[in-house]
Amino acid sequence: MTPSPDWPFRVLDRGILRCASAFVPSTQRPEWHSEWQAELWHARQSHATDGIISLRAQRHIAAFCFGAFYDALCLRHYYLQNRANQQARSSPLLGSAGYCLLCLAVIVAVSGVVSLRLPGVRSAIHLAGSQPRPGSILILDARADNLSAATISPRQFQAWKSARQRYFDGLAFYRIQLESVSTTLGARTQWRIARANANLFNLLRVPVQQIPSGSEIDPGIAQLILSDAAFRREFNADPHIIGSVINVGQTSVRIVGVAPDVVFNLPGTADAWLLESEFAPISGGAGYAVAHLTRSGQSQMWGHSVLITSINRNGSEHDFRGVSLTNDTPGPWGVFLFAAIVALLALPIMTSISLGSYSLSSHKPSWSRRANRFAFLLAKIALILLIAYFVPLDLAYARITPFSTYIQLFSCFFLCLLGMRWVMSDHRQRCPVCLRRVAHPARVGLLSRTFLAWNGTELVCPMGHTLLHVPGLPTSWFNTQRWMYLDDSWNFLFAPTHSA
């Protein structure tokens, strides 16, 4: 038997239909493939002339075969949508208010755990809560250009301390020097030790992780407070190291606490602070003076500095300046509050804050359902605000840079704005009865008949409680979305799990 001269086209057409049938759901694939084969036979018969199909006719047949892909994709989309609707009807959680809150809570939990694990975030939060008390200043020589230089002589400090003060209610002095330290592990390293007055930390009111309660303290042994960096670097952040004795030079000292890094923003970058009750600065070199201003002294401050004039014994005057140690830059919490308030003020510009009308039907939701709907709205707002706090914090302080505060500010603003916009949009599409999102949008009416009849979009509650009417073009008589409550006559269209 002689094969037909157009057999390559036959093979190509059947191959196209076989490929198209792969996109059809498996349960309907044999039926649709057989249907397409029958239509292909009919198309070939209708285009054949004396058993011969022209090249132009072959192109029309090939176009028909490629059209099967569109049919297959439409079938698959309908199948997936129908399966999702069945799952939503069969699952009491999927699409519900609880499912929405669960997803938001998971995001909050993940971002919160990441914040706890990032050292930069922990440091930023810790520093914001450990600032020196207002009025704390660092005293420098007015002629010094370098703020990190030690410019206060021990003799000058002793003169201030012994004189009657009008503007200071507390003074402290520290001097940094490199000393050999022998740790409990037997290692001997060089540390930058700040020998300071015992009242330094009380003067600044900086919280210190103190020695455990019940431990005995020998008053004859000097006390050493570690920096947080040295605590982690030298002792692997072991809390049991607090209370142990180490050697600084030839002197035995007891570790009594760990201070936050805010203290080590003072000039000198010390690894540890050796508190000496009988401090004798006359024998040492120049150091740094820290003071706290009284109310009258704080009134003399201009911006972040104050001018101090000292009269020496010979009658000559020497000018000093006090630089504020309090950082006025808002911490992560202050940045979040500012960004959130600005975002809430900008929200009405971005979206409507109306939740729609509930007066389209004589059916009114009970007070308990109204309370549940309002509580659900507040819960979403609270979770969105928590997300807008933790996620920008992770982005900004994953690696601390000079721009970390600005990264947190802008990311928090946009996340609050977009999040609140989503909250309002989501709540407008929640059924007042079961708080599920309405679905299956259908276009109703014509724009050309806006002033003669209603036109817009209708959405239905998956459980069959309500219909939502959203106007396509707001008018004076229909300018916001409205809800219509469905009676029991609609039950046959929905799942048997429907409950009024």
Protein backbone atom coordinates (compact mmCIF):
# COMPACT_ATOMS: atom_id res chain seq x y z
CA MET A 1 0.00 0.00 0.00
CA THR A 2 1.43 3.36 -1.07
CA PRO A 3 1.57 5.88 1.81
CA SER A 4 -0.20 9.20 1.41
CA PRO A 5 2.11 12.02 0.27
CA ASP A 6 0.94 14.20 3.19
CA TRP A 7 1.86 11.62 5.89
CA PRO A 8 4.46 13.95 7.51
CA PHE A 9 1.72 16.51 8.10
CA ARG A 10 -0.51 13.79 9.61
CA VAL A 11 2.26 12.77 12.02
CA LEU A 12 2.94 16.41 12.92
CA ASP A 13 -0.74 17.16 13.57
CA ARG A 14 -1.14 14.09 15.80
CA GLY A 15 2.03 14.99 17.70
CA ILE A 16 0.69 18.53 18.35
CA LEU A 17 -2.58 17.10 19.72
CA ARG A 18 -0.65 14.61 21.87
CA CYS A 19 1.41 17.44 23.36
CA ALA A 20 -1.70 19.54 23.96
CA SER A 21 -3.42 16.67 25.76
CA ALA A 22 -0.53 16.60 28.27
CA PHE A 23 -1.87 19.87 29.73
CA VAL A 24 -5.36 18.45 30.27
CA PRO A 25 -6.05 16.98 33.74
CA SER A 26 -5.34 13.26 33.73
CA THR A 27 -8.94 12.28 34.47
CA GLN A 28 -10.19 14.03 31.30
CA ARG A 29 -7.16 13.47 29.07
CA PRO A 30 -8.34 10.35 27.09
CA GLU A 31 -11.76 11.87 26.38
CA TRP A 32 -10.39 15.17 25.11
CA HIS A 33 -7.66 13.51 23.05
CA SER A 34 -10.27 11.34 21.32
CA GLU A 35 -12.45 14.40 20.71
CA TRP A 36 -9.54 16.31 19.13
CA GLN A 37 -8.66 13.30 16.93
CA ALA A 38 -12.24 13.14 15.64
CA GLU A 39 -12.27 16.89 14.93
CA LEU A 40 -8.90 16.57 13.16
CA TRP A 41 -10.32 13.81 10.91
CA HIS A 42 -13.33 16.00 10.12
CA ALA A 43 -11.09 19.01 9.37
CA ARG A 44 -8.91 16.97 7.01
CA GLN A 45 -11.96 15.60 5.21
CA SER A 46 -13.47 19.05 4.76
CA HIS A 47 -10.23 20.49 3.30
CA ALA A 48 -9.42 17.57 1.01
CA THR A 49 -10.05 17.90 -2.74
CA ASP A 50 -9.96 14.59 -4.60
CA GLY A 51 -8.10 13.15 -1.60
CA ILE A 52 -5.38 15.81 -1.82
CA ILE A 53 -4.90 18.57 0.78
CA SER A 54 -3.19 21.71 -0.40
CA LEU A 55 -0.38 23.43 1.49
CA ARG A 56 -2.66 26.32 2.37
CA ALA A 57 -5.20 23.89 3.80
CA GLN A 58 -2.42 22.22 5.82
CA ARG A 59 -1.71 25.56 7.45
CA HIS A 60 -5.38 25.88 8.48
CA ILE A 61 -5.30 22.36 9.92
CA ALA A 62 -2.09 23.12 11.85
CA ALA A 63 -3.70 26.29 13.26
CA PHE A 64 -6.62 24.14 14.46
CA CYS A 65 -4.19 21.76 16.15
CA PHE A 66 -2.34 24.59 17.92
CA GLY A 67 -5.71 25.90 19.10
CA ALA A 68 -5.99 22.76 21.21
CA PHE A 69 -3.35 24.23 23.53
CA TYR A 70 -5.67 27.11 24.42
CA ASP A 71 -8.48 24.65 25.17
CA ALA A 72 -6.12 22.56 27.32
CA LEU A 73 -4.91 25.54 29.33
CA CYS A 74 -8.47 26.73 29.93
CA LEU A 75 -9.45 23.27 31.12
CA ARG A 76 -6.47 23.10 33.45
CA HIS A 77 -7.15 26.55 34.90
CA TYR A 78 -10.80 25.64 35.53
CA TYR A 79 -9.75 22.32 37.09
CA LEU A 80 -7.22 23.94 39.46
CA GLN A 81 -9.65 26.67 40.46
CA ASN A 82 -12.40 24.17 41.11
CA ARG A 83 -10.07 21.99 43.19
CA ALA A 84 -8.98 25.02 45.23
CA ASN A 85 -12.61 25.93 45.85
CA GLN A 86 -13.36 22.40 46.97
CA GLN A 87 -10.41 22.44 49.35
CA ALA A 88 -11.51 25.82 50.72
CA ARG A 89 -15.00 24.47 51.33
CA SER A 90 -13.74 21.24 52.87
CA SER A 91 -11.10 22.89 55.09
CA PRO A 92 -12.50 24.97 57.97
CA LEU A 93 -9.17 26.82 58.33
CA LEU A 94 -8.11 27.69 54.79
CA GLY A 95 -9.27 31.20 53.88
CA SER A 96 -10.66 31.87 57.35
CA ALA A 97 -9.77 34.65 59.76
CA GLY A 98 -7.74 32.22 61.87
CA TYR A 99 -5.68 31.19 58.86
CA CYS A 100 -4.94 34.85 58.08
CA LEU A 101 -3.84 35.57 61.65
CA LEU A 102 -1.78 32.38 61.72
CA CYS A 103 0.17 33.42 58.61
CA LEU A 104 0.84 36.87 60.04
CA ALA A 105 1.88 35.39 63.39
CA VAL A 106 4.35 33.06 61.66
CA ILE A 107 5.94 36.03 59.89
CA VAL A 108 6.18 37.88 63.21
CA ALA A 109 7.72 34.86 64.93
CA VAL A 110 10.31 34.27 62.18
CA SER A 111 11.34 37.92 61.99
CA GLY A 112 11.48 38.13 65.80
CA VAL A 113 13.71 35.06 66.05
CA VAL A 114 16.00 36.48 63.36
CA SER A 115 16.21 39.72 65.36
CA LEU A 116 17.24 37.81 68.47
CA ARG A 117 19.92 35.95 66.52
CA LEU A 118 21.50 38.99 64.84
CA PRO A 119 24.23 40.58 66.99
CA GLY A 120 23.70 43.98 65.36
CA VAL A 121 20.01 44.03 66.32
CA ARG A 122 20.75 42.99 69.89
CA SER A 123 23.43 45.65 70.16
CA ALA A 124 21.15 48.39 68.77
CA ILE A 125 18.33 47.53 71.19
CA HIS A 126 20.72 47.22 74.12
CA LEU A 127 22.42 50.52 73.39
CA ALA A 128 19.09 52.32 73.06
CA GLY A 129 18.14 51.19 76.56
CA SER A 130 21.55 51.83 78.14
CA GLN A 131 22.21 55.47 77.39
CA PRO A 132 23.93 57.55 80.10
CA ARG A 133 21.52 59.69 82.02
CA PRO A 134 20.81 63.18 80.66
CA GLY A 135 23.29 65.79 81.76
CA SER A 136 26.33 63.50 81.62
CA ILE A 137 29.27 65.24 79.93
CA LEU A 138 32.88 64.54 79.03
CA ILE A 139 35.19 67.43 80.00
CA LEU A 140 37.93 68.32 77.47
CA ASP A 141 40.46 71.07 77.03
CA ALA A 142 38.80 73.77 74.92
CA ARG A 143 41.91 73.98 72.74
CA ALA A 144 41.88 70.24 71.91
CA ASP A 145 40.64 69.33 68.44
CA ASN A 146 40.66 65.56 69.02
CA LEU A 147 37.83 64.35 71.25
CA SER A 148 39.63 61.05 71.91
CA ALA A 149 42.74 62.72 73.38
CA ALA A 150 43.36 62.63 77.14
CA THR A 151 43.54 66.33 78.06
CA ILE A 152 42.65 66.50 81.77
CA SER A 153 45.56 66.38 84.20
CA PRO A 154 45.12 64.57 87.52
CA ARG A 155 46.00 67.78 89.37
CA GLN A 156 43.21 69.70 87.59
CA PHE A 157 40.71 66.97 88.40
CA GLN A 158 41.75 66.98 92.07
CA ALA A 159 41.27 70.76 92.14
CA TRP A 160 37.72 70.42 90.78
CA LYS A 161 36.91 67.61 93.17
CA SER A 162 38.11 69.47 96.25
CA ALA A 163 36.46 72.77 95.29
CA ARG A 164 32.85 73.63 95.99
CA GLN A 165 30.87 72.95 92.80
CA ARG A 166 27.89 74.90 91.55
CA TYR A 167 27.21 73.20 88.23
CA PHE A 168 28.39 69.62 88.94
CA ASP A 169 26.76 67.14 91.29
CA GLY A 170 29.23 64.36 90.50
CA LEU A 171 32.74 63.95 89.06
CA ALA A 172 34.71 60.89 87.98
CA PHE A 173 38.12 60.37 86.42
CA TYR A 174 39.63 57.50 84.44
CA ARG A 175 42.95 56.90 82.79
CA ILE A 176 43.70 54.16 80.24
CA GLN A 177 46.93 52.23 80.10
CA LEU A 178 48.13 48.99 78.53
CA GLU A 179 48.62 46.26 81.12
CA SER A 180 49.34 42.54 81.17
CA VAL A 181 46.38 40.39 82.22
CA SER A 182 46.53 36.76 83.33
CA THR A 183 43.12 35.07 82.89
CA THR A 184 41.76 32.03 84.72
CA LEU A 185 42.69 29.87 81.75
CA GLY A 186 46.36 30.69 82.23
CA ALA A 187 46.65 32.87 79.11
CA ARG A 188 48.52 36.16 79.45
CA THR A 189 47.49 38.98 77.13
CA GLN A 190 47.71 42.74 76.88
CA TRP A 191 44.54 44.64 77.72
CA ARG A 192 43.63 48.30 77.68
CA ILE A 193 42.70 48.81 81.32
CA ALA A 194 40.82 51.94 82.41
CA ARG A 195 41.66 52.75 86.03
CA ALA A 196 38.66 54.71 87.19
CA ASN A 197 36.90 56.09 90.22
CA ALA A 198 34.51 53.66 91.85
CA ASN A 199 31.59 56.05 91.30
CA LEU A 200 31.95 56.17 87.49
CA PHE A 201 29.13 53.74 86.70
CA ASN A 202 26.84 55.17 89.36
CA LEU A 203 27.48 58.63 87.96
CA LEU A 204 26.48 57.58 84.43
CA ARG A 205 23.74 55.24 85.73
CA VAL A 206 24.70 52.59 83.23
CA PRO A 207 23.30 49.11 84.09
CA VAL A 208 25.99 46.53 84.81
CA GLN A 209 25.54 42.77 84.97
CA GLN A 210 26.60 42.37 88.58
CA ILE A 211 28.10 39.50 90.53
CA PRO A 212 25.55 36.78 91.41
CA SER A 213 23.69 37.32 94.66
CA GLY A 214 25.00 35.35 97.62
CA SER A 215 28.63 35.47 96.44
CA GLU A 216 31.19 36.70 98.88
CA ILE A 217 33.09 39.88 97.99
CA ASP A 218 36.46 40.56 99.57
CA PRO A 219 36.71 44.33 100.18
CA GLY A 220 40.48 44.08 99.96
CA ILE A 221 40.44 43.00 96.32
CA ALA A 222 39.94 45.60 93.58
CA GLN A 223 36.87 45.23 91.37
CA LEU A 224 37.04 44.79 87.57
CA ILE A 225 34.17 45.34 85.15
CA LEU A 226 34.61 43.74 81.71
CA SER A 227 33.53 45.27 78.45
CA ASP A 228 30.95 43.26 76.57
CA ALA A 229 33.43 42.75 73.72
CA ALA A 230 36.16 41.41 76.05
CA PHE A 231 33.59 39.26 77.85
CA ARG A 232 32.70 37.54 74.59
CA ARG A 233 36.21 37.49 73.11
CA GLU A 234 38.20 36.26 76.11
CA PHE A 235 35.62 34.21 78.03
CA ASN A 236 33.13 33.11 75.34
CA ALA A 237 30.35 34.99 77.21
CA ASP A 238 30.47 32.47 80.07
CA PRO A 239 28.38 33.96 82.93
CA HIS A 240 30.23 31.84 85.50
CA ILE A 241 33.34 33.96 84.96
CA ILE A 242 31.70 36.72 87.01
CA GLY A 243 33.07 36.46 90.55
CA SER A 244 36.39 34.84 89.58
CA VAL A 245 39.80 36.39 90.32
CA ILE A 246 42.39 37.29 87.66
CA ASN A 247 45.66 39.20 87.73
CA VAL A 248 46.09 42.67 86.21
CA GLY A 249 49.82 43.30 86.27
CA GLN A 250 50.90 42.25 89.75
CA THR A 251 47.49 42.95 91.32
CA SER A 252 44.73 40.41 91.91
CA VAL A 253 41.30 41.71 90.91
CA ARG A 254 37.82 40.22 91.00
CA ILE A 255 35.49 40.33 87.98
CA VAL A 256 32.26 41.79 89.36
CA GLY A 257 30.26 42.53 86.21
CA VAL A 258 29.94 43.16 82.50
CA ALA A 259 29.07 46.62 81.20
CA PRO A 260 27.23 47.37 77.93
CA ASP A 261 29.08 48.79 74.97
CA VAL A 262 27.57 52.22 75.52
CA VAL A 263 30.16 52.87 78.23
CA PHE A 264 32.91 52.06 75.79
CA ASN A 265 31.78 54.81 73.47
CA LEU A 266 33.79 56.97 75.85
CA PRO A 267 37.24 57.89 74.52
CA GLY A 268 39.88 55.25 75.01
CA THR A 269 38.06 52.03 74.02
CA ALA A 270 38.95 50.13 77.17
CA ASP A 271 38.73 46.34 77.45
CA ALA A 272 37.96 46.51 81.17
CA TRP A 273 37.41 49.03 83.93
CA LEU A 274 39.38 48.72 87.16
CA LEU A 275 37.48 50.50 89.93
CA GLU A 276 39.76 51.79 92.65
CA SER A 277 38.23 53.06 95.87
CA GLU A 278 41.44 54.88 96.88
CA PHE A 279 42.20 56.51 93.56
CA ALA A 280 45.41 58.56 93.49
CA PRO A 281 45.58 60.39 90.15
CA ILE A 282 48.55 62.54 91.12
CA SER A 283 50.95 59.77 90.25
CA GLY A 284 49.51 59.11 86.80
CA GLY A 285 49.34 60.86 83.47
CA ALA A 286 46.54 62.77 81.79
CA GLY A 287 43.14 61.14 81.53
CA TYR A 288 39.46 61.84 81.02
CA ALA A 289 37.00 63.58 83.32
CA VAL A 290 33.31 62.74 83.38
CA ALA A 291 30.75 64.89 85.19
CA HIS A 292 27.04 65.24 85.65
CA LEU A 293 25.51 68.71 85.43
CA THR A 294 22.99 70.05 87.86
CA ARG A 295 19.81 71.65 86.53
CA SER A 296 21.45 75.07 86.56
CA GLY A 297 24.45 73.58 84.77
CA GLN A 298 22.25 71.96 82.11
CA SER A 299 20.61 75.33 81.48
CA GLN A 300 24.04 76.66 80.49
CA MET A 301 24.43 74.09 77.68
CA TRP A 302 24.33 75.35 74.11
CA GLY A 303 23.33 72.45 71.93
CA HIS A 304 25.52 69.51 73.00
CA SER A 305 28.34 71.41 74.70
CA VAL A 306 28.97 73.81 77.56
CA LEU A 307 31.89 76.15 78.24
CA ILE A 308 33.71 75.69 81.56
CA THR A 309 36.14 78.32 82.85
CA SER A 310 38.61 77.28 85.53
CA ILE A 311 40.70 79.76 87.55
CA ASN A 312 44.07 78.39 88.57
CA ARG A 313 45.81 79.20 91.85
CA ASN A 314 47.97 81.83 90.13
CA GLY A 315 44.84 83.64 88.98
CA SER A 316 45.03 82.64 85.31
CA GLU A 317 41.93 81.37 83.51
CA HIS A 318 41.78 78.11 81.55
CA ASP A 319 38.83 77.22 79.36
CA PHE A 320 37.40 73.71 79.13
CA ARG A 321 34.33 72.42 77.33
CA GLY A 322 31.88 69.74 78.27
CA VAL A 323 30.53 67.49 75.51
CA SER A 324 27.24 65.70 76.11
CA LEU A 325 27.47 61.90 76.39
CA THR A 326 23.74 61.40 75.84
CA ASN A 327 22.96 60.32 72.31
CA ASP A 328 19.89 62.19 71.04
CA THR A 329 19.52 59.88 68.03
CA PRO A 330 16.28 57.92 68.51
CA GLY A 331 16.67 54.22 69.11
CA PRO A 332 14.99 51.49 67.00
CA TRP A 333 11.74 51.86 68.94
CA GLY A 334 11.63 55.64 68.45
CA VAL A 335 12.34 55.29 64.72
CA PHE A 336 9.52 52.75 64.44
CA LEU A 337 7.01 54.99 66.25
CA PHE A 338 7.86 57.98 64.05
CA ALA A 339 7.64 55.96 60.82
CA ALA A 340 4.38 54.28 61.90
CA ILE A 341 2.70 57.60 62.79
CA VAL A 342 3.73 59.17 59.47
CA ALA A 343 2.50 56.10 57.58
CA LEU A 344 -0.88 56.22 59.34
CA LEU A 345 -1.22 59.90 58.47
CA ALA A 346 -0.41 59.15 54.82
CA LEU A 347 -2.78 56.16 54.64
CA PRO A 348 -5.94 58.14 53.63
CA ILE A 349 -4.01 59.47 50.63
CA MET A 350 -3.21 55.96 49.40
CA THR A 351 -6.51 54.18 50.02
CA SER A 352 -10.02 54.66 51.31
CA ILE A 353 -10.45 53.89 54.98
CA SER A 354 -14.18 53.17 54.59
CA LEU A 355 -15.22 49.57 55.25
CA GLY A 356 -18.38 49.76 53.16
CA SER A 357 -22.11 49.80 53.90
CA TYR A 358 -24.03 47.04 55.71
CA SER A 359 -27.53 48.51 55.18
CA LEU A 360 -28.41 46.91 51.84
CA SER A 361 -30.45 44.22 53.58
CA SER A 362 -32.79 44.21 56.56
CA HIS A 363 -30.58 41.49 58.06
CA LYS A 364 -28.23 42.95 60.67
CA PRO A 365 -25.25 41.13 62.20
CA SER A 366 -25.42 40.61 65.94
CA TRP A 367 -23.29 42.59 68.36
CA SER A 368 -21.10 39.54 68.98
CA ARG A 369 -20.32 39.26 65.25
CA ARG A 370 -19.57 42.98 65.07
CA ALA A 371 -17.24 42.60 68.05
CA ASN A 372 -15.51 39.64 66.40
CA ARG A 373 -15.07 41.59 63.19
CA PHE A 374 -13.62 44.57 65.08
CA ALA A 375 -11.32 42.34 67.16
CA PHE A 376 -10.10 40.65 63.97
CA LEU A 377 -9.29 44.06 62.48
CA LEU A 378 -7.33 45.10 65.58
CA ALA A 379 -5.43 41.80 65.61
CA LYS A 380 -4.38 42.26 61.98
CA ILE A 381 -3.25 45.82 62.65
CA ALA A 382 -1.21 44.70 65.68
CA LEU A 383 0.50 41.89 63.77
CA ILE A 384 1.24 44.16 60.80
CA LEU A 385 2.83 46.71 63.13
CA LEU A 386 4.97 43.98 64.71
CA ILE A 387 6.08 42.86 61.25
CA ALA A 388 6.85 46.48 60.36
CA TYR A 389 9.02 46.68 63.49
CA PHE A 390 11.00 43.43 63.25
CA VAL A 391 11.56 43.13 59.49
CA PRO A 392 13.08 46.64 59.00
CA LEU A 393 15.14 46.03 62.15
CA ASP A 394 16.59 42.88 60.58
CA LEU A 395 17.28 44.67 57.30
CA ALA A 396 18.89 47.71 58.92
CA TYR A 397 21.04 46.06 61.58
CA ALA A 398 22.00 42.79 59.94
CA ARG A 399 25.18 44.71 59.33
CA ILE A 400 25.57 47.98 61.24
CA THR A 401 26.43 50.91 58.97
CA PRO A 402 26.12 54.71 59.31
CA PHE A 403 22.91 54.42 57.28
CA SER A 404 21.24 51.74 59.47
CA THR A 405 18.88 54.25 61.09
CA TYR A 406 17.77 55.59 57.70
CA ILE A 407 17.31 52.07 56.30
CA GLN A 408 15.06 51.22 59.23
CA LEU A 409 13.15 54.51 58.91
CA PHE A 410 12.28 54.23 55.22
CA SER A 411 11.66 50.46 55.20
CA CYS A 412 9.45 50.78 58.29
CA PHE A 413 7.47 53.64 56.70
CA PHE A 414 6.78 51.79 53.45
CA LEU A 415 6.06 48.50 55.20
CA CYS A 416 3.59 50.20 57.57
CA LEU A 417 1.93 52.05 54.69
CA LEU A 418 1.60 49.00 52.43
CA GLY A 419 0.68 46.75 55.34
CA MET A 420 -2.11 49.02 56.56
CA ARG A 421 -3.35 49.42 53.01
CA TRP A 422 -3.54 45.62 52.73
CA VAL A 423 -5.35 45.40 56.08
CA MET A 424 -8.08 47.79 54.90
CA SER A 425 -8.39 46.10 51.51
CA ASP A 426 -8.52 42.64 53.07
CA HIS A 427 -11.09 43.65 55.67
CA ARG A 428 -13.40 45.16 53.06
CA GLN A 429 -13.55 41.75 51.39
CA ARG A 430 -14.27 39.71 54.53
CA CYS A 431 -17.76 38.31 55.01
CA PRO A 432 -19.40 40.00 58.03
CA VAL A 433 -20.75 36.61 59.19
CA CYS A 434 -17.86 34.13 58.92
CA LEU A 435 -14.93 36.55 58.20
CA ARG A 436 -13.86 34.57 55.12
CA ARG A 437 -12.70 36.40 52.02
CA VAL A 438 -15.34 36.66 49.31
CA ALA A 439 -14.44 35.10 45.97
CA HIS A 440 -15.65 34.42 42.42
CA PRO A 441 -15.85 38.01 41.09
CA ALA A 442 -18.48 38.56 38.38
CA ARG A 443 -18.91 41.68 36.26
CA VAL A 444 -22.49 42.99 36.23
CA GLY A 445 -23.99 45.80 34.13
CA LEU A 446 -22.50 48.24 31.63
CA LEU A 447 -20.57 51.45 32.23
CA SER A 448 -22.67 53.19 29.59
CA ARG A 449 -25.75 52.66 31.78
CA THR A 450 -24.20 53.90 35.04
CA PHE A 451 -26.97 56.44 35.74
CA LEU A 452 -29.76 54.07 34.66
CA ALA A 453 -28.81 50.83 36.38
CA TRP A 454 -26.22 49.45 38.76
CA ASN A 455 -22.94 48.18 37.33
CA GLY A 456 -19.85 46.85 39.01
CA THR A 457 -18.47 43.63 40.47
CA GLU A 458 -20.22 41.05 42.61
CA LEU A 459 -18.39 38.64 44.90
CA VAL A 460 -19.88 35.84 46.97
CA CYS A 461 -18.96 34.36 50.33
CA PRO A 462 -17.63 30.78 49.86
CA MET A 463 -19.94 29.61 52.65
CA GLY A 464 -23.02 31.28 51.12
CA HIS A 465 -23.66 33.95 53.73
CA THR A 466 -23.42 37.19 51.72
CA LEU A 467 -22.95 38.90 48.38
CA LEU A 468 -20.62 41.89 48.05
CA HIS A 469 -21.50 44.62 45.52
CA VAL A 470 -18.57 46.84 44.51
CA PRO A 471 -19.53 49.73 42.17
CA GLY A 472 -17.47 50.03 39.02
CA LEU A 473 -17.93 53.80 38.98
CA PRO A 474 -18.96 55.42 42.29
CA THR A 475 -22.02 57.64 42.01
CA SER A 476 -24.01 59.78 44.42
CA TRP A 477 -26.50 56.95 44.98
CA PHE A 478 -24.00 54.09 45.08
CA ASN A 479 -20.53 55.32 46.03
CA THR A 480 -19.27 52.53 48.29
CA GLN A 481 -19.42 48.77 48.44
CA ARG A 482 -22.48 47.14 49.99
CA TRP A 483 -23.27 43.75 51.49
CA MET A 484 -26.38 41.69 50.82
CA TYR A 485 -27.20 38.82 53.16
CA LEU A 486 -28.38 35.60 51.50
CA ASP A 487 -31.27 33.57 52.88
CA ASP A 488 -31.57 29.79 53.10
CA SER A 489 -32.83 29.49 49.52
CA TRP A 490 -29.21 29.85 48.35
CA ASN A 491 -27.95 26.85 50.34
CA PHE A 492 -28.13 24.41 47.44
CA LEU A 493 -25.36 26.29 45.61
CA PHE A 494 -22.79 25.86 48.36
CA ALA A 495 -21.08 23.15 50.32
CA PRO A 496 -23.12 21.13 52.81
CA THR A 497 -20.94 22.62 55.59
CA HIS A 498 -22.85 25.92 55.25
CA SER A 499 -24.04 27.31 58.53
CA ALA A 500 -26.13 30.42 58.88
